[in-house]
Amino acid sequence: MANSLISIQIIPKTKDGEDVIPYVDEAIKVIAESGVKYEVHPLETTMEGELHELFTVISKMNERMIEMGSKNVISQVKILYQPTGISMDDLTGKYR
């Protein structure tokens, strides 16, 4: 079982104030390609996995934003680390 949930909102500084949606789409693609379980929500995306693995995904997301031309990136992150195991369903399953 995974030991962490991380929610991230990535805010790239785009060139000349262009739309951030293509950047956000690319950040979500980085998550999808990582193979971790994730859910996209209106204001953030939540990932489930091992803490070190999720930090690696966040690093790749930020690097990808720079590759796309962002001058800098703000990543707002919430972390739930529970060594005994945690899943998104543990917290939200009753609402589905």
N, C-alpha and C. Protein backbone atom coordinates (compact mmCIF):
# COMPACT_ATOMS: atom_id res chain seq x y z
N MET A 1 0.84 -1.18 0.00
CA MET A 1 0.00 0.00 0.00
C MET A 1 0.89 1.25 0.00
N ALA A 2 0.43 2.26 -0.68
CA ALA A 2 1.15 3.53 -0.76
C ALA A 2 1.28 4.16 0.62
N ASN A 3 2.33 4.95 0.80
CA ASN A 3 2.51 5.62 2.09
C ASN A 3 2.24 7.13 2.03
N SER A 4 1.85 7.62 0.85
CA SER A 4 1.67 9.08 0.73
C SER A 4 0.59 9.46 -0.27
N LEU A 5 -0.04 10.57 0.03
CA LEU A 5 -0.90 11.28 -0.91
C LEU A 5 -0.31 12.67 -1.05
N ILE A 6 -0.15 13.10 -2.28
CA ILE A 6 0.33 14.46 -2.53
C ILE A 6 -0.61 15.13 -3.52
N SER A 7 -1.11 16.29 -3.13
CA SER A 7 -1.89 17.12 -4.05
C SER A 7 -1.01 18.26 -4.51
N ILE A 8 -1.05 18.53 -5.80
CA ILE A 8 -0.21 19.58 -6.36
C ILE A 8 -1.02 20.47 -7.29
N GLN A 9 -0.77 21.75 -7.16
CA GLN A 9 -1.26 22.75 -8.11
C GLN A 9 -0.01 23.39 -8.68
N ILE A 10 0.17 23.28 -9.98
CA ILE A 10 1.37 23.82 -10.62
C ILE A 10 0.99 25.09 -11.36
N ILE A 11 1.78 26.13 -11.15
CA ILE A 11 1.48 27.45 -11.72
C ILE A 11 2.73 27.94 -12.45
N PRO A 12 2.82 27.66 -13.75
CA PRO A 12 3.99 28.11 -14.50
C PRO A 12 3.86 29.59 -14.89
N LYS A 13 4.98 30.29 -14.88
CA LYS A 13 5.00 31.66 -15.40
C LYS A 13 5.22 31.53 -16.90
N THR A 14 4.19 31.85 -17.67
CA THR A 14 4.25 31.67 -19.11
C THR A 14 4.83 32.90 -19.80
N LYS A 15 5.29 32.67 -21.02
CA LYS A 15 5.82 33.76 -21.83
C LYS A 15 4.70 34.71 -22.23
N ASP A 16 4.89 35.96 -22.00
CA ASP A 16 3.95 37.01 -22.42
C ASP A 16 2.53 36.75 -21.93
N GLY A 17 2.38 36.09 -20.79
CA GLY A 17 1.06 35.87 -20.21
C GLY A 17 0.16 34.92 -20.98
N GLU A 18 0.77 34.02 -21.76
CA GLU A 18 -0.06 33.09 -22.53
C GLU A 18 -0.83 32.15 -21.61
N ASP A 19 -1.83 31.49 -22.15
CA ASP A 19 -2.70 30.59 -21.42
C ASP A 19 -1.89 29.47 -20.75
N VAL A 20 -2.19 29.17 -19.49
CA VAL A 20 -1.45 28.12 -18.77
C VAL A 20 -2.01 26.72 -19.00
N ILE A 21 -3.21 26.61 -19.58
CA ILE A 21 -3.85 25.29 -19.71
C ILE A 21 -2.98 24.28 -20.47
N PRO A 22 -2.34 24.63 -21.58
CA PRO A 22 -1.47 23.65 -22.24
C PRO A 22 -0.32 23.19 -21.33
N TYR A 23 0.15 24.07 -20.48
CA TYR A 23 1.21 23.72 -19.54
C TYR A 23 0.68 22.74 -18.48
N VAL A 24 -0.49 23.06 -17.95
CA VAL A 24 -1.10 22.19 -16.95
C VAL A 24 -1.40 20.82 -17.56
N ASP A 25 -1.90 20.81 -18.78
CA ASP A 25 -2.15 19.53 -19.47
C ASP A 25 -0.86 18.72 -19.57
N GLU A 26 0.23 19.38 -19.87
CA GLU A 26 1.53 18.69 -19.98
C GLU A 26 2.00 18.19 -18.62
N ALA A 27 1.76 18.96 -17.57
CA ALA A 27 2.12 18.52 -16.22
C ALA A 27 1.34 17.27 -15.84
N ILE A 28 0.07 17.23 -16.18
CA ILE A 28 -0.75 16.05 -15.90
C ILE A 28 -0.27 14.87 -16.74
N LYS A 29 0.19 15.13 -17.95
CA LYS A 29 0.75 14.07 -18.79
C LYS A 29 1.99 13.46 -18.13
N VAL A 30 2.82 14.29 -17.51
CA VAL A 30 4.00 13.79 -16.79
C VAL A 30 3.56 12.84 -15.68
N ILE A 31 2.51 13.21 -14.96
CA ILE A 31 1.99 12.34 -13.90
C ILE A 31 1.50 11.03 -14.50
N ALA A 32 0.70 11.11 -15.55
CA ALA A 32 0.16 9.91 -16.18
C ALA A 32 1.26 8.97 -16.65
N GLU A 33 2.30 9.54 -17.25
CA GLU A 33 3.40 8.72 -17.76
C GLU A 33 4.22 8.08 -16.64
N SER A 34 4.13 8.63 -15.43
CA SER A 34 4.89 8.08 -14.30
C SER A 34 4.32 6.75 -13.81
N GLY A 35 3.05 6.53 -14.09
CA GLY A 35 2.41 5.29 -13.67
C GLY A 35 1.80 5.33 -12.28
N VAL A 36 1.92 6.46 -11.56
CA VAL A 36 1.31 6.52 -10.23
C VAL A 36 -0.19 6.72 -10.37
N LYS A 37 -0.92 6.30 -9.36
CA LYS A 37 -2.36 6.53 -9.33
C LYS A 37 -2.59 8.01 -9.07
N TYR A 38 -3.55 8.61 -9.79
CA TYR A 38 -3.81 10.03 -9.61
C TYR A 38 -5.25 10.35 -9.97
N GLU A 39 -5.72 11.49 -9.46
CA GLU A 39 -7.03 12.03 -9.80
C GLU A 39 -6.87 13.52 -10.07
N VAL A 40 -7.47 13.97 -11.16
CA VAL A 40 -7.46 15.39 -11.50
C VAL A 40 -8.71 16.03 -10.92
N HIS A 41 -8.52 17.13 -10.22
CA HIS A 41 -9.62 17.91 -9.64
C HIS A 41 -9.55 19.32 -10.20
N PRO A 42 -10.58 20.14 -10.00
CA PRO A 42 -10.58 21.47 -10.62
C PRO A 42 -9.39 22.35 -10.27
N LEU A 43 -8.89 22.27 -9.04
CA LEU A 43 -7.84 23.20 -8.62
C LEU A 43 -6.51 22.53 -8.31
N GLU A 44 -6.46 21.20 -8.36
CA GLU A 44 -5.24 20.47 -8.06
C GLU A 44 -5.39 19.03 -8.52
N THR A 45 -4.27 18.34 -8.56
CA THR A 45 -4.26 16.92 -8.89
C THR A 45 -3.65 16.18 -7.71
N THR A 46 -4.29 15.07 -7.33
CA THR A 46 -3.81 14.28 -6.20
C THR A 46 -3.19 12.99 -6.72
N MET A 47 -1.99 12.69 -6.20
CA MET A 47 -1.27 11.48 -6.55
C MET A 47 -1.16 10.57 -5.33
N GLU A 48 -1.08 9.27 -5.59
CA GLU A 48 -0.95 8.28 -4.52
C GLU A 48 0.27 7.42 -4.81
N GLY A 49 1.13 7.25 -3.83
CA GLY A 49 2.31 6.42 -4.05
C GLY A 49 3.30 6.52 -2.91
N GLU A 50 4.52 6.13 -3.19
CA GLU A 50 5.60 6.23 -2.20
C GLU A 50 6.14 7.66 -2.23
N LEU A 51 6.44 8.20 -1.07
CA LEU A 51 6.83 9.60 -0.95
C LEU A 51 7.97 9.98 -1.90
N HIS A 52 9.03 9.20 -1.91
CA HIS A 52 10.18 9.52 -2.77
C HIS A 52 9.80 9.48 -4.25
N GLU A 53 8.92 8.55 -4.61
CA GLU A 53 8.47 8.43 -6.00
C GLU A 53 7.66 9.66 -6.41
N LEU A 54 6.80 10.13 -5.52
CA LEU A 54 5.97 11.28 -5.84
C LEU A 54 6.79 12.57 -5.93
N PHE A 55 7.82 12.68 -5.08
CA PHE A 55 8.71 13.84 -5.19
C PHE A 55 9.44 13.84 -6.54
N THR A 56 9.78 12.67 -7.03
CA THR A 56 10.43 12.57 -8.35
C THR A 56 9.48 13.05 -9.44
N VAL A 57 8.21 12.69 -9.34
CA VAL A 57 7.21 13.15 -10.32
C VAL A 57 7.09 14.67 -10.27
N ILE A 58 7.05 15.24 -9.08
CA ILE A 58 6.95 16.70 -8.95
C ILE A 58 8.17 17.37 -9.59
N SER A 59 9.33 16.81 -9.37
CA SER A 59 10.55 17.36 -9.98
C SER A 59 10.44 17.33 -11.50
N LYS A 60 9.99 16.23 -12.05
CA LYS A 60 9.85 16.11 -13.51
C LYS A 60 8.81 17.08 -14.05
N MET A 61 7.75 17.30 -13.30
CA MET A 61 6.72 18.27 -13.72
C MET A 61 7.32 19.66 -13.83
N ASN A 62 8.06 20.06 -12.81
CA ASN A 62 8.68 21.38 -12.83
C ASN A 62 9.70 21.52 -13.96
N GLU A 63 10.51 20.50 -14.15
CA GLU A 63 11.49 20.53 -15.24
C GLU A 63 10.81 20.64 -16.59
N ARG A 64 9.68 19.95 -16.76
CA ARG A 64 8.96 20.01 -18.03
C ARG A 64 8.41 21.41 -18.30
N MET A 65 7.96 22.10 -17.26
CA MET A 65 7.46 23.46 -17.45
C MET A 65 8.56 24.38 -17.97
N ILE A 66 9.76 24.22 -17.44
CA ILE A 66 10.90 25.02 -17.89
C ILE A 66 11.25 24.66 -19.33
N GLU A 67 11.24 23.38 -19.66
CA GLU A 67 11.51 22.95 -21.05
C GLU A 67 10.52 23.57 -22.01
N MET A 68 9.27 23.79 -21.56
CA MET A 68 8.24 24.37 -22.41
C MET A 68 8.36 25.88 -22.53
N GLY A 69 9.27 26.48 -21.76
CA GLY A 69 9.49 27.91 -21.89
C GLY A 69 9.10 28.74 -20.69
N SER A 70 8.65 28.12 -19.62
CA SER A 70 8.34 28.88 -18.41
C SER A 70 9.62 29.46 -17.82
N LYS A 71 9.54 30.69 -17.35
CA LYS A 71 10.68 31.31 -16.69
C LYS A 71 10.87 30.72 -15.31
N ASN A 72 9.75 30.47 -14.61
CA ASN A 72 9.77 29.83 -13.30
C ASN A 72 8.44 29.14 -13.06
N VAL A 73 8.38 28.39 -11.97
CA VAL A 73 7.18 27.60 -11.68
C VAL A 73 6.92 27.64 -10.17
N ILE A 74 5.67 27.87 -9.82
CA ILE A 74 5.25 27.73 -8.43
C ILE A 74 4.51 26.39 -8.33
N SER A 75 4.90 25.58 -7.37
CA SER A 75 4.21 24.32 -7.10
C SER A 75 3.66 24.37 -5.68
N GLN A 76 2.36 24.43 -5.58
CA GLN A 76 1.72 24.39 -4.27
C GLN A 76 1.41 22.94 -3.96
N VAL A 77 1.96 22.44 -2.87
CA VAL A 77 1.92 21.01 -2.58
C VAL A 77 1.36 20.76 -1.19
N LYS A 78 0.47 19.76 -1.10
CA LYS A 78 -0.02 19.26 0.19
C LYS A 78 0.41 17.80 0.28
N ILE A 79 0.94 17.41 1.42
CA ILE A 79 1.47 16.06 1.58
C ILE A 79 0.84 15.39 2.79
N LEU A 80 0.34 14.18 2.58
CA LEU A 80 -0.05 13.32 3.69
C LEU A 80 0.88 12.12 3.64
N TYR A 81 1.73 12.00 4.63
CA TYR A 81 2.67 10.88 4.73
C TYR A 81 2.22 10.01 5.89
N GLN A 82 1.94 8.76 5.60
CA GLN A 82 1.46 7.82 6.61
C GLN A 82 2.16 6.48 6.37
N PRO A 83 3.24 6.22 7.09
CA PRO A 83 4.05 5.02 6.85
C PRO A 83 3.26 3.71 6.90
N THR A 84 2.16 3.69 7.65
CA THR A 84 1.36 2.45 7.73
C THR A 84 0.49 2.23 6.51
N GLY A 85 0.43 3.21 5.63
CA GLY A 85 -0.33 3.09 4.38
C GLY A 85 -1.53 4.02 4.34
N ILE A 86 -1.81 4.52 3.15
CA ILE A 86 -2.93 5.44 2.93
C ILE A 86 -3.33 5.37 1.46
N SER A 87 -4.62 5.58 1.19
CA SER A 87 -5.08 5.65 -0.19
C SER A 87 -6.11 6.76 -0.31
N MET A 88 -6.36 7.21 -1.53
CA MET A 88 -7.38 8.22 -1.75
C MET A 88 -8.73 7.69 -1.31
N ASP A 89 -8.99 6.41 -1.57
CA ASP A 89 -10.27 5.81 -1.17
C ASP A 89 -10.46 5.83 0.33
N ASP A 90 -9.38 5.71 1.10
CA ASP A 90 -9.50 5.78 2.55
C ASP A 90 -10.14 7.10 2.98
N LEU A 91 -9.83 8.16 2.27
CA LEU A 91 -10.32 9.49 2.64
C LEU A 91 -11.60 9.91 1.95
N THR A 92 -11.82 9.42 0.72
CA THR A 92 -12.97 9.92 -0.04
C THR A 92 -13.93 8.85 -0.52
N GLY A 93 -13.63 7.59 -0.26
CA GLY A 93 -14.47 6.50 -0.74
C GLY A 93 -15.94 6.62 -0.36
N LYS A 94 -16.22 7.11 0.83
CA LYS A 94 -17.61 7.22 1.29
C LYS A 94 -18.42 8.24 0.49
N TYR A 95 -17.73 9.10 -0.25
CA TYR A 95 -18.43 10.11 -1.04
C TYR A 95 -18.73 9.65 -2.47
N ARG A 96 -18.28 8.48 -2.81
CA ARG A 96 -18.50 7.98 -4.18
C ARG A 96 -19.63 6.99 -4.23
